[in-house]
C-alpha atoms as a PDB file:
ATOM      1  CA  UNK A   1       1.680  13.721 -19.235  1.00  0.00           C
ATOM      2  CA  UNK A   2       5.063  12.492 -17.533  1.00  0.00           C
ATOM      3  CA  UNK A   3       4.052  10.206 -15.286  1.00  0.00           C
ATOM      4  CA  UNK A   4       5.685   7.338 -12.609  1.00  0.00           C
ATOM      5  CA  UNK A   5       4.066   4.548 -11.599  1.00  0.00           C
ATOM      6  CA  UNK A   6       5.211   3.438  -8.419  1.00  0.00           C
ATOM      7  CA  UNK A   7       4.172  -0.390  -7.381  1.00  0.00           C
ATOM      8  CA  UNK A   8       4.482  -1.792  -3.670  1.00  0.00           C
ATOM      9  CA  UNK A   9       4.401  -4.974  -3.763  1.00  0.00           C
ATOM     10  CA  UNK A  10       3.845  -5.239   0.128  1.00  0.00           C
ATOM     11  CA  UNK A  11       1.264  -3.652   0.105  1.00  0.00           C
ATOM     12  CA  UNK A  12      -1.589  -5.915   1.021  1.00  0.00           C
ATOM     13  CA  UNK A  13      -3.565  -6.544  -3.292  1.00  0.00           C
ATOM     14  CA  UNK A  14      -0.479  -6.576  -4.350  1.00  0.00           C
ATOM     15  CA  UNK A  15       1.289  -9.249  -2.308  1.00  0.00           C
ATOM     16  CA  UNK A  16      -1.039 -11.859  -4.276  1.00  0.00           C
ATOM     17  CA  UNK A  17      -0.292 -10.333  -7.277  1.00  0.00           C
ATOM     18  CA  UNK A  18       1.739 -11.244 -10.194  1.00  0.00           C
ATOM     19  CA  UNK A  19       3.635  -8.151 -10.245  1.00  0.00           C
ATOM     20  CA  UNK A  20       5.140  -8.580 -14.113  1.00  0.00           C
ATOM     21  CA  UNK A  21       2.143  -8.537 -15.282  1.00  0.00           C
ATOM     22  CA  UNK A  22       0.203  -5.102 -13.775  1.00  0.00           C
ATOM     23  CA  UNK A  23       2.987  -4.018 -14.144  1.00  0.00           C
ATOM     24  CA  UNK A  24       2.987  -4.118 -17.870  1.00  0.00           C
ATOM     25  CA  UNK A  25      -0.994  -3.723 -18.166  1.00  0.00           C
ATOM     26  CA  UNK A  26      -0.230   0.075 -16.308  1.00  0.00           C
ATOM     27  CA  UNK A  27       2.125   0.657 -18.791  1.00  0.00           C
ATOM     28  CA  UNK A  28      -0.391  -0.668 -21.509  1.00  0.00           C
ATOM     29  CA  UNK A  29      -3.250   1.468 -20.616  1.00  0.00           C
ATOM     30  CA  UNK A  30      -1.513   5.177 -19.759  1.00  0.00           C
ATOM     31  CA  UNK A  31       0.366   5.013 -22.743  1.00  0.00           C
ATOM     32  CA  UNK A  32      -3.217   3.839 -25.050  1.00  0.00           C
ATOM     33  CA  UNK A  33      -4.944   7.297 -23.030  1.00  0.00           C
ATOM     34  CA  UNK A  34      -1.742   9.369 -24.771  1.00  0.00           C
ATOM     35  CA  UNK A  35       0.612   9.656 -21.020  1.00  0.00           C
ATOM     36  CA  UNK A  36       4.495   9.536 -21.522  1.00  0.00           C
ATOM     37  CA  UNK A  37       4.010   6.478 -18.548  1.00  0.00           C
ATOM     38  CA  UNK A  38       6.820   4.022 -16.894  1.00  0.00           C
ATOM     39  CA  UNK A  39       5.674   1.341 -13.930  1.00  0.00           C
ATOM     40  CA  UNK A  40       8.821   0.870 -11.287  1.00  0.00           C
ATOM     41  CA  UNK A  41       7.563  -2.188  -8.841  1.00  0.00           C
ATOM     42  CA  UNK A  42       9.590  -1.432  -5.574  1.00  0.00           C
ATOM     43  CA  UNK A  43       9.290  -3.421  -1.807  1.00  0.00           C
ATOM     44  CA  UNK A  44       7.948  -1.810   0.553  1.00  0.00           C
ATOM     45  CA  UNK A  45      11.727   0.398   2.369  1.00  0.00           C
ATOM     46  CA  UNK A  46      12.225   1.210  -1.039  1.00  0.00           C
ATOM     47  CA  UNK A  47       9.420   3.437  -2.697  1.00  0.00           C
ATOM     48  CA  UNK A  48       9.311   5.997  -1.142  1.00  0.00           C
ATOM     49  CA  UNK A  49      12.714   7.425  -1.491  1.00  0.00           C
ATOM     50  CA  UNK A  50      12.586   5.985  -4.751  1.00  0.00           C
ATOM     51  CA  UNK A  51       9.065   8.850  -4.970  1.00  0.00           C
ATOM     52  CA  UNK A  52      11.214  11.851  -3.846  1.00  0.00           C
ATOM     53  CA  UNK A  53      14.482  11.417  -6.329  1.00  0.00           C
ATOM     54  CA  UNK A  54      11.661  11.300  -9.062  1.00  0.00           C
ATOM     55  CA  UNK A  55       9.108  13.979  -7.339  1.00  0.00           C
ATOM     56  CA  UNK A  56      12.157  15.980  -8.118  1.00  0.00           C
ATOM     57  CA  UNK A  57      12.406  16.088 -11.549  1.00  0.00           C
ATOM     58  CA  UNK A  58      11.666  18.482 -14.106  1.00  0.00           C
ATOM     59  CA  UNK A  59      10.416  16.500 -16.248  1.00  0.00           C
ATOM     60  CA  UNK A  60       7.585  15.127 -14.232  1.00  0.00           C
ATOM     61  CA  UNK A  61       4.044  15.427 -14.072  1.00  0.00           C
ATOM     62  CA  UNK A  62       3.010  13.635 -12.151  1.00  0.00           C
ATOM     63  CA  UNK A  63       3.698   9.991  -9.923  1.00  0.00           C
ATOM     64  CA  UNK A  64       0.632   7.145  -9.977  1.00  0.00           C
ATOM     65  CA  UNK A  65       1.718   5.390  -6.810  1.00  0.00           C
ATOM     66  CA  UNK A  66       0.343   1.807  -5.116  1.00  0.00           C
ATOM     67  CA  UNK A  67       0.114   0.775  -2.618  1.00  0.00           C
ATOM     68  CA  UNK A  68      -1.405   0.292   1.038  1.00  0.00           C
ATOM     69  CA  UNK A  69      -2.722   3.477   3.291  1.00  0.00           C
ATOM     70  CA  UNK A  70      -0.018   4.439   4.437  1.00  0.00           C
ATOM     71  CA  UNK A  71       1.971   4.273   0.770  1.00  0.00           C
ATOM     72  CA  UNK A  72      -0.561   7.046  -0.333  1.00  0.00           C
ATOM     73  CA  UNK A  73      -0.211   9.102   2.625  1.00  0.00           C
ATOM     74  CA  UNK A  74       3.541   9.066   1.730  1.00  0.00           C
ATOM     75  CA  UNK A  75       3.465   9.899  -1.923  1.00  0.00           C
ATOM     76  CA  UNK A  76       0.382  12.786  -1.394  1.00  0.00           C
ATOM     77  CA  UNK A  77       2.800  14.245   1.271  1.00  0.00           C
ATOM     78  CA  UNK A  78       6.048  14.155  -1.878  1.00  0.00           C
ATOM     79  CA  UNK A  79       3.166  14.863  -4.685  1.00  0.00           C
ATOM     80  CA  UNK A  80       1.950  17.763  -2.594  1.00  0.00           C
ATOM     81  CA  UNK A  81       5.104  19.697  -1.749  1.00  0.00           C
ATOM     82  CA  UNK A  82       6.679  19.486  -5.005  1.00  0.00           C
ATOM     83  CA  UNK A  83       3.333  20.588  -6.797  1.00  0.00           C
ATOM     84  CA  UNK A  84       2.484  17.162  -9.100  1.00  0.00           C
ATOM     85  CA  UNK A  85      -0.012  14.815  -8.880  1.00  0.00           C
ATOM     86  CA  UNK A  86      -0.800  12.107  -7.874  1.00  0.00           C
ATOM     87  CA  UNK A  87      -3.300   9.111  -8.848  1.00  0.00           C
ATOM     88  CA  UNK A  88      -3.933   6.308  -6.807  1.00  0.00           C
ATOM     89  CA  UNK A  89      -3.742   2.587  -7.179  1.00  0.00           C
ATOM     90  CA  UNK A  90      -5.785   1.111  -4.203  1.00  0.00           C
ATOM     91  CA  UNK A  91      -3.903  -2.224  -2.950  1.00  0.00           C
ATOM     92  CA  UNK A  92      -3.941  -1.518   0.996  1.00  0.00           C
ATOM     93  CA  UNK A  93      -6.712  -3.168   3.545  1.00  0.00           C
ATOM     94  CA  UNK A  94      -9.108   0.342   4.182  1.00  0.00           C
ATOM     95  CA  UNK A  95      -8.121   1.821   1.395  1.00  0.00           C
ATOM     96  CA  UNK A  96      -9.518   5.265   2.800  1.00  0.00           C
ATOM     97  CA  UNK A  97      -8.115   8.195   0.472  1.00  0.00           C
ATOM     98  CA  UNK A  98      -8.915   6.341  -2.788  1.00  0.00           C
ATOM     99  CA  UNK A  99     -13.391   6.026  -1.500  1.00  0.00           C
ATOM    100  CA  UNK A 100     -13.120   9.382  -0.798  1.00  0.00           C
ATOM    101  CA  UNK A 101     -11.532  10.112  -4.269  1.00  0.00           C
ATOM    102  CA  UNK A 102     -14.539   7.053  -5.857  1.00  0.00           C
ATOM    103  CA  UNK A 103     -11.608   5.337  -7.716  1.00  0.00           C
ATOM    104  CA  UNK A 104     -12.304   1.840  -7.870  1.00  0.00           C
ATOM    105  CA  UNK A 105     -10.813  -0.319  -5.557  1.00  0.00           C
ATOM    106  CA  UNK A 106     -10.150  -3.086  -7.998  1.00  0.00           C
ATOM    107  CA  UNK A 107      -6.649  -2.473  -8.539  1.00  0.00           C
ATOM    108  CA  UNK A 108      -7.074  -3.542 -12.528  1.00  0.00           C
ATOM    109  CA  UNK A 109     -10.367  -0.858 -12.940  1.00  0.00           C
ATOM    110  CA  UNK A 110      -8.338   1.280 -11.456  1.00  0.00           C
ATOM    111  CA  UNK A 111      -5.692   1.848 -14.240  1.00  0.00           C
ATOM    112  CA  UNK A 112      -8.295   2.348 -16.537  1.00  0.00           C
ATOM    113  CA  UNK A 113      -9.800   5.437 -14.948  1.00  0.00           C
ATOM    114  CA  UNK A 114      -6.738   6.872 -13.707  1.00  0.00           C
ATOM    115  CA  UNK A 115      -5.634   6.527 -17.431  1.00  0.00           C
ATOM    116  CA  UNK A 116      -8.205   8.375 -19.368  1.00  0.00           C
ATOM    117  CA  UNK A 117      -8.590  10.774 -15.841  1.00  0.00           C
ATOM    118  CA  UNK A 118      -8.699  14.776 -15.212  1.00  0.00           C
ATOM    119  CA  UNK A 119      -7.151  16.541 -12.953  1.00  0.00           C
ATOM    120  CA  UNK A 120      -8.076  18.276  -9.710  1.00  0.00           C
ATOM    121  CA  UNK A 121      -7.680  19.497  -7.061  1.00  0.00           C
ATOM    122  CA  UNK A 122      -8.379  18.708  -3.312  1.00  0.00           C
ATOM    123  CA  UNK A 123      -7.253  19.867  -0.116  1.00  0.00           C
ATOM    124  CA  UNK A 124      -5.061  18.041   2.505  1.00  0.00           C
ATOM    125  CA  UNK A 125      -4.055  18.550   6.048  1.00  0.00           C
ATOM    126  CA  UNK A 126      -1.136  19.564   7.971  1.00  0.00           C
ATOM    127  CA  UNK A 127       0.022  18.455  12.013  1.00  0.00           C
ATOM    128  CA  UNK A 128       2.758  20.492  13.260  1.00  0.00           C
ATOM    129  CA  UNK A 129       3.687  20.914   9.308  1.00  0.00           C
ATOM    130  CA  UNK A 130       3.501  17.313   8.705  1.00  0.00           C
ATOM    131  CA  UNK A 131       0.798  16.432   5.874  1.00  0.00           C
ATOM    132  CA  UNK A 132      -1.935  14.673   6.799  1.00  0.00           C
ATOM    133  CA  UNK A 133      -4.583  13.600   4.251  1.00  0.00           C
ATOM    134  CA  UNK A 134      -6.631  10.947   6.567  1.00  0.00           C
ATOM    135  CA  UNK A 135      -7.036  11.800   9.997  1.00  0.00           C
ATOM    136  CA  UNK A 136      -4.168  12.907  13.110  1.00  0.00           C
ATOM    137  CA  UNK A 137      -5.844  11.344  16.076  1.00  0.00           C
ATOM    138  CA  UNK A 138      -5.269  11.041  19.804  1.00  0.00           C
ATOM    139  CA  UNK A 139      -6.410   8.282  22.565  1.00  0.00           C
ATOM    140  CA  UNK A 140      -8.569   5.757  21.761  1.00  0.00           C
ATOM    141  CA  UNK A 141      -7.345   5.628  18.393  1.00  0.00           C
ATOM    142  CA  UNK A 142      -3.774   5.769  19.723  1.00  0.00           C
ATOM    143  CA  UNK A 143      -4.342   2.869  21.979  1.00  0.00           C
ATOM    144  CA  UNK A 144      -6.206   0.540  19.399  1.00  0.00           C
ATOM    145  CA  UNK A 145      -2.856   1.013  17.009  1.00  0.00           C
ATOM    146  CA  UNK A 146      -0.558   0.859  19.395  1.00  0.00           C
ATOM    147  CA  UNK A 147      -1.835  -2.205  20.891  1.00  0.00           C
ATOM    148  CA  UNK A 148      -2.773  -3.927  17.308  1.00  0.00           C
ATOM    149  CA  UNK A 149       1.105  -3.668  16.588  1.00  0.00           C
ATOM    150  CA  UNK A 150       1.903  -5.943  19.058  1.00  0.00           C
ATOM    151  CA  UNK A 151       0.178  -8.546  16.807  1.00  0.00           C
ATOM    152  CA  UNK A 152       1.900 -10.636  13.911  1.00  0.00           C
ATOM    153  CA  UNK A 153      -0.117 -10.550  11.384  1.00  0.00           C
ATOM    154  CA  UNK A 154       1.035 -11.291   7.317  1.00  0.00           C
ATOM    155  CA  UNK A 155      -2.403 -10.941   5.503  1.00  0.00           C
ATOM    156  CA  UNK A 156      -5.465  -8.273   5.482  1.00  0.00           C
ATOM    157  CA  UNK A 157      -7.237 -10.773   7.137  1.00  0.00           C
ATOM    158  CA  UNK A 158      -4.981 -10.603   9.521  1.00  0.00           C
ATOM    159  CA  UNK A 159      -4.695  -7.389  10.201  1.00  0.00           C
ATOM    160  CA  UNK A 160      -8.501  -6.829  10.278  1.00  0.00           C
ATOM    161  CA  UNK A 161      -8.306  -9.931  13.244  1.00  0.00           C
ATOM    162  CA  UNK A 162      -5.170  -7.776  14.851  1.00  0.00           C
ATOM    163  CA  UNK A 163      -7.879  -4.827  14.504  1.00  0.00           C
ATOM    164  CA  UNK A 164     -10.610  -6.545  16.336  1.00  0.00           C
ATOM    165  CA  UNK A 165      -8.547  -8.265  18.943  1.00  0.00           C
ATOM    166  CA  UNK A 166      -6.983  -4.426  19.501  1.00  0.00           C
ATOM    167  CA  UNK A 167     -10.569  -2.969  19.720  1.00  0.00           C
ATOM    168  CA  UNK A 168     -11.349  -5.117  21.968  1.00  0.00           C
ATOM    169  CA  UNK A 169      -8.714  -4.521  24.679  1.00  0.00           C
ATOM    170  CA  UNK A 170      -9.789  -0.971  24.175  1.00  0.00           C
ATOM    171  CA  UNK A 171     -13.168  -1.495  25.316  1.00  0.00           C
ATOM    172  CA  UNK A 172     -11.875  -2.414  28.578  1.00  0.00           C
ATOM    173  CA  UNK A 173      -9.553  -0.047  29.005  1.00  0.00           C
ATOM    174  CA  UNK A 174      -9.919   3.378  28.019  1.00  0.00           C
ATOM    175  CA  UNK A 175      -7.838   5.936  28.280  1.00  0.00           C
ATOM    176  CA  UNK A 176      -7.990   9.503  29.563  1.00  0.00           C
ATOM    177  CA  UNK A 177      -6.483  12.654  29.353  1.00  0.00           C
ATOM    178  CA  UNK A 178      -6.371  16.658  29.215  1.00  0.00           C
ATOM    179  CA  UNK A 179      -6.473  18.940  26.265  1.00  0.00           C
ATOM    180  CA  UNK A 180      -6.631  22.753  26.041  1.00  0.00           C
ATOM    181  CA  UNK A 181      -7.595  23.445  22.040  1.00  0.00           C
ATOM    182  CA  UNK A 182      -8.851  26.903  20.362  1.00  0.00           C
ATOM    183  CA  UNK A 183     -10.604  26.206  17.229  1.00  0.00           C
ATOM    184  CA  UNK A 184     -12.971  28.617  15.574  1.00  0.00           C
ATOM    185  CA  UNK A 185     -12.512  31.170  18.083  1.00  0.00           C
ATOM    186  CA  UNK A 186     -13.425  28.923  20.857  1.00  0.00           C
ATOM    187  CA  UNK A 187     -11.280  27.626  23.710  1.00  0.00           C
ATOM    188  CA  UNK A 188     -11.502  25.235  26.104  1.00  0.00           C
ATOM    189  CA  UNK A 189      -9.896  23.054  28.167  1.00  0.00           C
ATOM    190  CA  UNK A 190     -11.645  19.485  28.539  1.00  0.00           C
ATOM    191  CA  UNK A 191     -11.190  16.168  29.928  1.00  0.00           C
ATOM    192  CA  UNK A 192     -11.644  13.504  26.970  1.00  0.00           C
ATOM    193  CA  UNK A 193     -11.014   9.626  26.068  1.00  0.00           C
ATOM    194  CA  UNK A 194     -10.678  10.705  22.375  1.00  0.00           C
ATOM    195  CA  UNK A 195      -9.453  13.594  19.421  1.00  0.00           C
ATOM    196  CA  UNK A 196      -9.947  12.933  16.057  1.00  0.00           C
ATOM    197  CA  UNK A 197      -9.064  15.727  13.449  1.00  0.00           C
ATOM    198  CA  UNK A 198      -9.580  14.898   9.759  1.00  0.00           C
ATOM    199  CA  UNK A 199      -8.892  16.028   6.293  1.00  0.00           C
ATOM    200  CA  UNK A 200     -12.298  16.973   5.785  1.00  0.00           C
ATOM    201  CA  UNK A 201     -15.334  15.455   7.773  1.00  0.00           C
ATOM    202  CA  UNK A 202     -16.145  12.677   7.727  1.00  0.00           C
ATOM    203  CA  UNK A 203     -19.511  11.007   6.098  1.00  0.00           C
ATOM    204  CA  UNK A 204     -21.813   8.505   6.983  1.00  0.00           C
ATOM    205  CA  UNK A 205     -19.536   5.767   6.392  1.00  0.00           C
ATOM    206  CA  UNK A 206     -18.527   2.853   9.092  1.00  0.00           C
ATOM    207  CA  UNK A 207     -15.119   3.255   8.206  1.00  0.00           C
ATOM    208  CA  UNK A 208     -15.041   7.047   8.871  1.00  0.00           C
ATOM    209  CA  UNK A 209     -13.500   8.352   5.592  1.00  0.00           C
ATOM    210  CA  UNK A 210     -14.882  12.001   3.489  1.00  0.00           C
ATOM    211  CA  UNK A 211     -16.981  12.093   1.088  1.00  0.00           C
ATOM    212  CA  UNK A 212     -16.488  15.155   0.284  1.00  0.00           C
ATOM    213  CA  UNK A 213     -12.622  16.545   0.047  1.00  0.00           C
ATOM    214  CA  UNK A 214     -13.387  20.037  -1.141  1.00  0.00           C
ATOM    215  CA  UNK A 215     -14.926  21.036   1.560  1.00  0.00           C
ATOM    216  CA  UNK A 216     -12.272  24.091   2.447  1.00  0.00           C
ATOM    217  CA  UNK A 217     -12.622  22.976   6.402  1.00  0.00           C
ATOM    218  CA  UNK A 218     -11.739  20.146   9.445  1.00  0.00           C
ATOM    219  CA  UNK A 219     -13.456  17.595  10.869  1.00  0.00           C
ATOM    220  CA  UNK A 220     -12.689  18.425  14.637  1.00  0.00           C
ATOM    221  CA  UNK A 221     -14.052  15.718  17.214  1.00  0.00           C
ATOM    222  CA  UNK A 222     -13.775  15.431  20.477  1.00  0.00           C
ATOM    223  CA  UNK A 223     -15.001  12.436  22.871  1.00  0.00           C
ATOM    224  CA  UNK A 224     -15.567  12.430  27.108  1.00  0.00           C
ATOM    225  CA  UNK A 225     -14.002  10.200  29.323  1.00  0.00           C
ATOM    226  CA  UNK A 226     -15.815   6.976  28.196  1.00  0.00           C
ATOM    227  CA  UNK A 227     -15.651   3.565  30.627  1.00  0.00           C
ATOM    228  CA  UNK A 228     -16.200   0.499  29.162  1.00  0.00           C
ATOM    229  CA  UNK A 229     -20.098   0.583  27.682  1.00  0.00           C
ATOM    230  CA  UNK A 230     -19.539   4.567  26.229  1.00  0.00           C
ATOM    231  CA  UNK A 231     -16.410   2.851  24.230  1.00  0.00           C
ATOM    232  CA  UNK A 232     -18.997  -0.126  23.269  1.00  0.00           C
ATOM    233  CA  UNK A 233     -21.270   2.920  22.742  1.00  0.00           C
ATOM    234  CA  UNK A 234     -19.276   4.946  20.492  1.00  0.00           C
ATOM    235  CA  UNK A 235     -18.018   1.709  18.105  1.00  0.00           C
ATOM    236  CA  UNK A 236     -21.520   0.490  17.299  1.00  0.00           C
ATOM    237  CA  UNK A 237     -22.325   4.637  16.348  1.00  0.00           C
ATOM    238  CA  UNK A 238     -18.913   4.406  14.190  1.00  0.00           C
ATOM    239  CA  UNK A 239     -20.537   0.639  12.987  1.00  0.00           C
ATOM    240  CA  UNK A 240     -23.251   2.374  12.203  1.00  0.00           C
ATOM    241  CA  UNK A 241     -21.433   5.858  10.308  1.00  0.00           C
ATOM    242  CA  UNK A 242     -23.269   7.961  13.072  1.00  0.00           C
ATOM    243  CA  UNK A 243     -20.780   9.591  15.333  1.00  0.00           C
ATOM    244  CA  UNK A 244     -22.068  12.775  14.911  1.00  0.00           C
ATOM    245  CA  UNK A 245     -25.395  11.312  16.536  1.00  0.00           C
ATOM    246  CA  UNK A 246     -23.198   9.740  19.767  1.00  0.00           C
ATOM    247  CA  UNK A 247     -24.295  12.229  23.034  1.00  0.00           C
ATOM    248  CA  UNK A 248     -20.364  11.830  23.958  1.00  0.00           C
ATOM    249  CA  UNK A 249     -19.142  12.728  20.551  1.00  0.00           C
ATOM    250  CA  UNK A 250     -18.399  16.775  20.288  1.00  0.00           C
ATOM    251  CA  UNK A 251     -17.890  18.197  16.494  1.00  0.00           C
ATOM    252  CA  UNK A 252     -16.346  21.195  14.722  1.00  0.00           C
ATOM    253  CA  UNK A 253     -15.784  22.043  11.417  1.00  0.00           C
ATOM    254  CA  UNK A 254     -13.412  24.601  11.641  1.00  0.00           C
ATOM    255  CA  UNK A 255      -9.842  25.111   9.485  1.00  0.00           C
ATOM    256  CA  UNK A 256      -7.259  25.454  11.651  1.00  0.00           C
ATOM    257  CA  UNK A 257      -7.177  23.445  15.151  1.00  0.00           C
ATOM    258  CA  UNK A 258      -4.505  23.985  18.083  1.00  0.00           C
ATOM    259  CA  UNK A 259      -4.645  21.959  20.426  1.00  0.00           C
ATOM    260  CA  UNK A 260      -1.984  21.310  23.638  1.00  0.00           C
ATOM    261  CA  UNK A 261      -1.997  18.248  26.615  1.00  0.00           C
ATOM    262  CA  UNK A 262      -1.100  20.437  30.023  1.00  0.00           C
ATOM    263  CA  UNK A 263      -0.024  16.354  31.758  1.00  0.00           C
ATOM    264  CA  UNK A 264       1.745  14.935  28.309  1.00  0.00           C
ATOM    265  CA  UNK A 265       3.102  11.421  29.234  1.00  0.00           C
ATOM    266  CA  UNK A 266       6.892  10.526  27.982  1.00  0.00           C
ATOM    267  CA  UNK A 267       5.079   7.802  25.778  1.00  0.00           C
ATOM    268  CA  UNK A 268       2.450   9.051  24.739  1.00  0.00           C
ATOM    269  CA  UNK A 269       0.932   8.493  21.414  1.00  0.00           C
ATOM    270  CA  UNK A 270      -0.716   9.938  18.139  1.00  0.00           C
ATOM    271  CA  UNK A 271      -1.317   8.417  14.850  1.00  0.00           C
ATOM    272  CA  UNK A 272      -0.920  10.077  11.782  1.00  0.00           C
ATOM    273  CA  UNK A 273      -2.707   8.455   8.661  1.00  0.00           C
ATOM    274  CA  UNK A 274      -2.319   5.309  10.416  1.00  0.00           C
ATOM    275  CA  UNK A 275       1.626   6.060  11.611  1.00  0.00           C
ATOM    276  CA  UNK A 276       1.776   5.265  15.520  1.00  0.00           C
ATOM    277  CA  UNK A 277       3.897   8.564  16.206  1.00  0.00           C
ATOM    278  CA  UNK A 278       5.186  10.346  19.635  1.00  0.00           C
ATOM    279  CA  UNK A 279       2.743  13.110  20.362  1.00  0.00           C
ATOM    280  CA  UNK A 280       4.116  16.508  20.559  1.00  0.00           C
ATOM    281  CA  UNK A 281       2.813  18.693  23.942  1.00  0.00           C
ATOM    282  CA  UNK A 282       1.407  21.458  21.572  1.00  0.00           C
ATOM    283  CA  UNK A 283       0.012  20.647  18.727  1.00  0.00           C
ATOM    284  CA  UNK A 284      -1.358  22.704  15.427  1.00  0.00           C
ATOM    285  CA  UNK A 285      -3.592  21.609  11.918  1.00  0.00           C
ATOM    286  CA  UNK A 286      -3.994  23.275   9.115  1.00  0.00           C
ATOM    287  CA  UNK A 287      -6.774  22.742   6.216  1.00  0.00           C
ATOM    288  CA  UNK A 288      -4.807  23.424   2.940  1.00  0.00           C
ATOM    289  CA  UNK A 289      -7.457  24.017   0.411  1.00  0.00           C
ATOM    290  CA  UNK A 290      -7.344  22.587  -3.246  1.00  0.00           C
ATOM    291  CA  UNK A 291      -3.487  22.480  -2.487  1.00  0.00           C
ATOM    292  CA  UNK A 292      -3.059  18.189  -4.135  1.00  0.00           C
ATOM    293  CA  UNK A 293      -3.407  17.723  -7.231  1.00  0.00           C
ATOM    294  CA  UNK A 294      -4.745  14.508  -7.877  1.00  0.00           C
ATOM    295  CA  UNK A 295      -5.891  12.349 -10.687  1.00  0.00           C
ATOM    296  CA  UNK A 296      -9.506  11.143 -10.853  1.00  0.00           C
ATOM    297  CA  UNK A 297     -12.402   9.911 -12.945  1.00  0.00           C
ATOM    298  CA  UNK A 298     -13.348  11.783 -16.624  1.00  0.00           C
ATOM    299  CA  UNK A 299     -16.207  14.355 -15.419  1.00  0.00           C
ATOM    300  CA  UNK A 300     -16.512  12.980 -12.308  1.00  0.00           C
ATOM    301  CA  UNK A 301     -15.190  17.331 -11.163  1.00  0.00           C
ATOM    302  CA  UNK A 302     -18.140  18.253 -13.259  1.00  0.00           C
ATOM    303  CA  UNK A 303     -20.873  16.096 -11.676  1.00  0.00           C
ATOM    304  CA  UNK A 304     -20.752  17.816  -8.435  1.00  0.00           C
ATOM    305  CA  UNK A 305     -22.133  21.350  -7.935  1.00  0.00           C
ATOM    306  CA  UNK A 306     -19.615  23.967  -7.623  1.00  0.00           C
ATOM    307  CA  UNK A 307     -21.530  25.631  -4.914  1.00  0.00           C
ATOM    308  CA  UNK A 308     -21.488  21.548  -3.257  1.00  0.00           C
ATOM    309  CA  UNK A 309     -18.349  21.103  -3.235  1.00  0.00           C
ATOM    310  CA  UNK A 310     -17.032  24.793  -1.493  1.00  0.00           C
ATOM    311  CA  UNK A 311     -20.331  25.500   0.920  1.00  0.00           C
ATOM    312  CA  UNK A 312     -19.215  24.324   4.119  1.00  0.00           C
ATOM    313  CA  UNK A 313     -20.138  20.997   5.656  1.00  0.00           C
ATOM    314  CA  UNK A 314     -21.250  22.394   9.430  1.00  0.00           C
END
């Protein structure tokens, strides 16, 4: 294939990597595997426009993006809109999409796996037309991200520390708001402290990422109004990978979710793939089954039985 690699030098692991050596290693790995491949290193504010320009070229089969979850989310959006393949090099803090795709978290090993890999088709979701690969959320998560962004940090460890402080702040000051939702033929109005809609249901893991990106379903989660002790219990269940067992959490697996916030505050926020954004009064969330082309480990798609891949997770 004709591929172009885009590596964000400001993303996590890349900040402490010899990027000239990495660029040369990437080109060698892909070219040795028979691809026409060029690698380019960009700063964080340059990489998205560069990927958008490349994706519009007629001679490009795909892009390989390296960086944090924000860079990967933007790359997935670009690849999906242009019908090209995406290879993911996990250089961020969480690397959630890479974990779902079972790409090695070592940035050097990931090159060899992707270069010798194959194309698979996975699901991608959108909220009011804006694509996301991990989740849309409002309430607890949005407040935590807003608190975290108020702290300054310049490293992965610093981000983890800021996230811990923000989580403690949310435990002692949880939000509560009204939402009307329509999903799977059910329509209801309720008060909640959190809403999350994920691209495929979360697996049983502490980081809350999907084990399977081909189920053809969203994960729809709401949490009842919570006091500090309830938020702490929810946090413990999240760390245990047992969110479904929490009595305050409702779980559904629809293909579409429509949300309406009747008493939306002017400065209310949501989070999409880690990015804090203004929350709209009405949000329509859809899954787009099998519409994103991704590079995965050779033989990985065949390892998962087709009935299991497409069987509803509910």
